[in-house]
């Protein structure tokens, strides 16, 4: 299964995340930088199976990006966890 890694030591906000996302995957031309568009892209455009891996997240980032994590959870349910999944690796610091 292909893995796309996002290093949150280099991501501070959603704008940073979407920039990194655009470098890692070929986003649709009409992609808007929001969670609905991300969900639609994961469940409709990206070739499966696929795994997103989030590394170096702080506890503060877990809070900041809780809606992103929920969107990935929803995508897992939509795509079946064997097709799309994600992994969180975080530092236990703020």
N, C-alpha and C. Protein backbone atom coordinates (compact mmCIF):
# COMPACT_ATOMS: atom_id res chain seq x y z
N UNK A 1 0.84 -1.17 0.00
CA UNK A 1 0.00 0.00 0.00
C UNK A 1 0.89 1.25 0.00
N UNK A 2 0.69 2.13 -0.95
CA UNK A 2 1.46 3.38 -0.96
C UNK A 2 1.17 4.22 0.29
N UNK A 3 2.22 4.88 0.80
CA UNK A 3 2.10 5.72 1.99
C UNK A 3 2.54 7.13 1.63
N UNK A 4 1.72 8.11 1.99
CA UNK A 4 2.06 9.52 1.83
C UNK A 4 2.31 10.07 3.22
N UNK A 5 3.54 10.51 3.46
CA UNK A 5 3.95 10.97 4.78
C UNK A 5 3.88 12.49 4.87
N UNK A 6 3.28 12.98 5.95
CA UNK A 6 3.19 14.40 6.25
C UNK A 6 3.95 14.65 7.54
N UNK A 7 5.00 15.45 7.47
CA UNK A 7 5.82 15.75 8.64
C UNK A 7 5.31 17.04 9.29
N UNK A 8 4.64 16.89 10.42
CA UNK A 8 4.03 18.03 11.08
C UNK A 8 5.04 18.91 11.80
N UNK A 9 6.29 18.54 11.79
CA UNK A 9 7.32 19.46 12.27
C UNK A 9 7.45 20.62 11.27
N UNK A 10 6.92 20.42 10.06
CA UNK A 10 6.97 21.44 9.01
C UNK A 10 5.59 22.00 8.68
N UNK A 11 4.58 21.61 9.46
CA UNK A 11 3.20 22.05 9.21
C UNK A 11 2.69 22.74 10.47
N UNK A 12 2.34 24.01 10.34
CA UNK A 12 1.85 24.75 11.50
C UNK A 12 0.37 25.07 11.44
N UNK A 13 -0.19 25.08 10.22
CA UNK A 13 -1.59 25.43 10.06
C UNK A 13 -2.15 24.72 8.82
N UNK A 14 -3.42 24.93 8.56
CA UNK A 14 -4.06 24.26 7.42
C UNK A 14 -3.45 24.69 6.09
N UNK A 15 -3.06 25.94 5.98
CA UNK A 15 -2.43 26.41 4.74
C UNK A 15 -1.16 25.61 4.45
N UNK A 16 -0.35 25.40 5.48
CA UNK A 16 0.87 24.58 5.33
C UNK A 16 0.51 23.15 4.92
N UNK A 17 -0.53 22.61 5.54
CA UNK A 17 -0.94 21.24 5.21
C UNK A 17 -1.34 21.13 3.74
N UNK A 18 -2.17 22.06 3.27
CA UNK A 18 -2.62 22.00 1.88
C UNK A 18 -1.47 22.21 0.90
N UNK A 19 -0.51 23.04 1.24
CA UNK A 19 0.68 23.20 0.38
C UNK A 19 1.43 21.88 0.27
N UNK A 20 1.64 21.22 1.40
CA UNK A 20 2.34 19.94 1.39
C UNK A 20 1.53 18.88 0.65
N UNK A 21 0.22 18.89 0.86
CA UNK A 21 -0.66 17.94 0.16
C UNK A 21 -0.50 18.10 -1.35
N UNK A 22 -0.50 19.34 -1.82
CA UNK A 22 -0.36 19.61 -3.25
C UNK A 22 0.98 19.16 -3.82
N UNK A 23 2.01 19.12 -2.98
CA UNK A 23 3.32 18.64 -3.42
C UNK A 23 3.38 17.12 -3.45
N UNK A 24 2.55 16.48 -2.65
CA UNK A 24 2.62 15.03 -2.50
C UNK A 24 1.67 14.28 -3.43
N UNK A 25 0.54 14.88 -3.75
CA UNK A 25 -0.42 14.22 -4.64
C UNK A 25 -0.86 15.20 -5.73
N UNK A 26 -1.33 14.64 -6.81
CA UNK A 26 -1.82 15.43 -7.93
C UNK A 26 -3.27 15.81 -7.63
N UNK A 27 -3.48 17.02 -7.16
CA UNK A 27 -4.82 17.48 -6.79
C UNK A 27 -5.62 17.86 -8.03
N UNK A 28 -6.93 17.65 -8.00
CA UNK A 28 -7.77 18.07 -9.12
C UNK A 28 -7.66 19.58 -9.33
N UNK A 29 -7.85 20.02 -10.54
CA UNK A 29 -7.76 21.43 -10.88
C UNK A 29 -8.73 22.25 -10.05
N UNK A 30 -9.89 21.72 -9.80
CA UNK A 30 -10.94 22.44 -9.07
C UNK A 30 -10.81 22.32 -7.55
N UNK A 31 -9.72 21.72 -7.05
CA UNK A 31 -9.56 21.49 -5.62
C UNK A 31 -9.54 22.81 -4.85
N UNK A 32 -10.41 22.90 -3.86
CA UNK A 32 -10.42 24.05 -2.96
C UNK A 32 -9.79 23.61 -1.65
N UNK A 33 -9.11 24.50 -1.00
CA UNK A 33 -8.40 24.17 0.24
C UNK A 33 -9.37 24.12 1.41
N UNK A 34 -10.14 23.03 1.46
CA UNK A 34 -11.04 22.82 2.59
C UNK A 34 -11.24 21.33 2.79
N UNK A 35 -11.80 20.97 3.92
CA UNK A 35 -11.92 19.57 4.28
C UNK A 35 -12.94 18.82 3.43
N UNK A 36 -13.98 19.50 2.96
CA UNK A 36 -14.93 18.85 2.06
C UNK A 36 -14.25 18.43 0.77
N UNK A 37 -13.42 19.30 0.23
CA UNK A 37 -12.69 18.98 -1.00
C UNK A 37 -11.70 17.84 -0.75
N UNK A 38 -11.07 17.83 0.41
CA UNK A 38 -10.15 16.74 0.74
C UNK A 38 -10.90 15.42 0.80
N UNK A 39 -12.04 15.39 1.47
CA UNK A 39 -12.85 14.19 1.57
C UNK A 39 -13.25 13.70 0.16
N UNK A 40 -13.74 14.63 -0.66
CA UNK A 40 -14.15 14.27 -2.02
C UNK A 40 -12.99 13.73 -2.84
N UNK A 41 -11.81 14.28 -2.66
CA UNK A 41 -10.63 13.83 -3.39
C UNK A 41 -10.22 12.43 -2.93
N UNK A 42 -10.22 12.20 -1.62
CA UNK A 42 -9.84 10.89 -1.10
C UNK A 42 -10.83 9.83 -1.56
N UNK A 43 -12.12 10.13 -1.48
CA UNK A 43 -13.13 9.13 -1.77
C UNK A 43 -13.50 9.04 -3.25
N UNK A 44 -13.02 9.97 -4.06
CA UNK A 44 -13.43 9.93 -5.44
C UNK A 44 -12.33 10.00 -6.48
N UNK A 45 -11.17 10.53 -6.13
CA UNK A 45 -10.14 10.77 -7.14
C UNK A 45 -8.88 9.94 -6.95
N UNK A 46 -8.44 9.80 -5.71
CA UNK A 46 -7.16 9.15 -5.45
C UNK A 46 -7.23 7.64 -5.70
N UNK A 47 -6.14 7.13 -6.23
CA UNK A 47 -6.05 5.70 -6.49
C UNK A 47 -5.84 4.97 -5.16
N UNK A 48 -6.62 3.95 -4.94
CA UNK A 48 -6.55 3.16 -3.72
C UNK A 48 -5.88 1.83 -4.01
N UNK A 49 -5.30 1.19 -3.04
CA UNK A 49 -5.22 1.54 -1.64
C UNK A 49 -4.20 2.65 -1.39
N UNK A 50 -4.38 3.34 -0.28
CA UNK A 50 -3.53 4.48 0.06
C UNK A 50 -3.57 4.71 1.57
N UNK A 51 -2.44 5.14 2.10
CA UNK A 51 -2.35 5.45 3.53
C UNK A 51 -1.69 6.81 3.69
N UNK A 52 -2.27 7.67 4.53
CA UNK A 52 -1.65 8.91 4.95
C UNK A 52 -0.97 8.64 6.29
N UNK A 53 0.24 9.14 6.44
CA UNK A 53 0.96 8.99 7.69
C UNK A 53 1.33 10.37 8.19
N UNK A 54 0.85 10.72 9.38
CA UNK A 54 1.15 12.00 10.01
C UNK A 54 2.17 11.75 11.10
N UNK A 55 3.34 12.37 10.96
CA UNK A 55 4.40 12.18 11.95
C UNK A 55 4.76 13.51 12.60
N UNK A 56 5.29 13.42 13.79
CA UNK A 56 5.78 14.56 14.57
C UNK A 56 4.69 15.55 14.95
N UNK A 57 3.48 15.08 15.15
CA UNK A 57 2.40 15.96 15.62
C UNK A 57 2.55 16.19 17.11
N UNK A 58 2.37 17.43 17.52
CA UNK A 58 2.35 17.74 18.94
C UNK A 58 0.91 17.61 19.45
N UNK A 59 0.74 17.61 20.74
CA UNK A 59 -0.62 17.57 21.29
C UNK A 59 -1.41 18.80 20.87
N UNK A 60 -0.74 19.94 20.80
CA UNK A 60 -1.40 21.15 20.33
C UNK A 60 -1.88 20.98 18.89
N UNK A 61 -1.05 20.39 18.04
CA UNK A 61 -1.46 20.16 16.66
C UNK A 61 -2.60 19.15 16.56
N UNK A 62 -2.62 18.17 17.44
CA UNK A 62 -3.74 17.24 17.46
C UNK A 62 -5.05 17.99 17.69
N UNK A 63 -5.01 19.00 18.52
CA UNK A 63 -6.20 19.82 18.76
C UNK A 63 -6.51 20.70 17.56
N UNK A 64 -5.48 21.35 17.01
CA UNK A 64 -5.67 22.25 15.86
C UNK A 64 -6.24 21.49 14.67
N UNK A 65 -5.75 20.30 14.45
CA UNK A 65 -6.12 19.53 13.27
C UNK A 65 -7.17 18.44 13.56
N UNK A 66 -7.94 18.61 14.63
CA UNK A 66 -8.92 17.59 14.97
C UNK A 66 -9.98 17.42 13.87
N UNK A 67 -10.34 18.49 13.17
CA UNK A 67 -11.31 18.37 12.08
C UNK A 67 -10.71 17.62 10.89
N UNK A 68 -9.44 17.81 10.65
CA UNK A 68 -8.75 17.05 9.60
C UNK A 68 -8.76 15.57 9.94
N UNK A 69 -8.44 15.25 11.18
CA UNK A 69 -8.42 13.85 11.61
C UNK A 69 -9.81 13.24 11.49
N UNK A 70 -10.84 13.99 11.84
CA UNK A 70 -12.21 13.50 11.71
C UNK A 70 -12.56 13.26 10.24
N UNK A 71 -12.10 14.14 9.36
CA UNK A 71 -12.34 13.96 7.93
C UNK A 71 -11.68 12.68 7.43
N UNK A 72 -10.48 12.40 7.91
CA UNK A 72 -9.80 11.15 7.53
C UNK A 72 -10.55 9.94 8.07
N UNK A 73 -11.06 10.05 9.29
CA UNK A 73 -11.88 8.97 9.85
C UNK A 73 -13.10 8.71 8.96
N UNK A 74 -13.76 9.78 8.56
CA UNK A 74 -14.93 9.65 7.70
C UNK A 74 -14.56 9.02 6.36
N UNK A 75 -13.42 9.41 5.81
CA UNK A 75 -12.96 8.84 4.54
C UNK A 75 -12.65 7.35 4.69
N UNK A 76 -12.09 6.97 5.83
CA UNK A 76 -11.81 5.55 6.09
C UNK A 76 -13.11 4.75 6.07
N UNK A 77 -14.14 5.28 6.68
CA UNK A 77 -15.42 4.60 6.72
C UNK A 77 -16.03 4.51 5.33
N UNK A 78 -15.88 5.57 4.57
CA UNK A 78 -16.44 5.61 3.21
C UNK A 78 -15.70 4.66 2.27
N UNK A 79 -14.39 4.64 2.37
CA UNK A 79 -13.55 3.88 1.45
C UNK A 79 -13.20 2.49 1.95
N UNK A 80 -13.62 2.16 3.15
CA UNK A 80 -13.25 0.89 3.77
C UNK A 80 -11.81 1.01 4.25
N UNK A 81 -11.58 0.67 5.48
CA UNK A 81 -10.27 0.85 6.09
C UNK A 81 -9.16 0.08 5.40
N UNK A 82 -9.50 -0.91 4.58
CA UNK A 82 -8.46 -1.66 3.86
C UNK A 82 -8.03 -0.93 2.59
N UNK A 83 -8.82 0.04 2.17
CA UNK A 83 -8.49 0.83 0.98
C UNK A 83 -7.79 2.13 1.34
N UNK A 84 -8.35 2.85 2.31
CA UNK A 84 -7.75 4.10 2.76
C UNK A 84 -7.57 4.05 4.26
N UNK A 85 -6.40 4.45 4.73
CA UNK A 85 -6.16 4.51 6.17
C UNK A 85 -5.20 5.65 6.46
N UNK A 86 -5.06 5.93 7.74
CA UNK A 86 -4.11 6.94 8.16
C UNK A 86 -3.49 6.50 9.48
N UNK A 87 -2.33 7.08 9.76
CA UNK A 87 -1.59 6.75 10.97
C UNK A 87 -1.10 8.05 11.59
N UNK A 88 -1.26 8.19 12.90
CA UNK A 88 -0.78 9.36 13.63
C UNK A 88 0.37 8.96 14.52
N UNK A 89 1.47 9.66 14.40
CA UNK A 89 2.61 9.50 15.29
C UNK A 89 2.88 10.88 15.87
N UNK A 90 2.74 11.00 17.17
CA UNK A 90 2.88 12.35 17.74
C UNK A 90 3.84 12.36 18.92
N UNK A 91 4.37 13.54 19.14
CA UNK A 91 5.21 13.80 20.31
C UNK A 91 4.30 14.13 21.48
N UNK A 92 4.59 13.65 22.66
CA UNK A 92 3.73 13.94 23.80
C UNK A 92 4.01 15.31 24.45
N UNK A 93 4.42 16.28 23.63
CA UNK A 93 4.70 17.62 24.14
C UNK A 93 3.78 18.62 23.49
N UNK A 94 3.76 19.82 24.01
CA UNK A 94 2.94 20.88 23.43
C UNK A 94 3.81 21.61 22.46
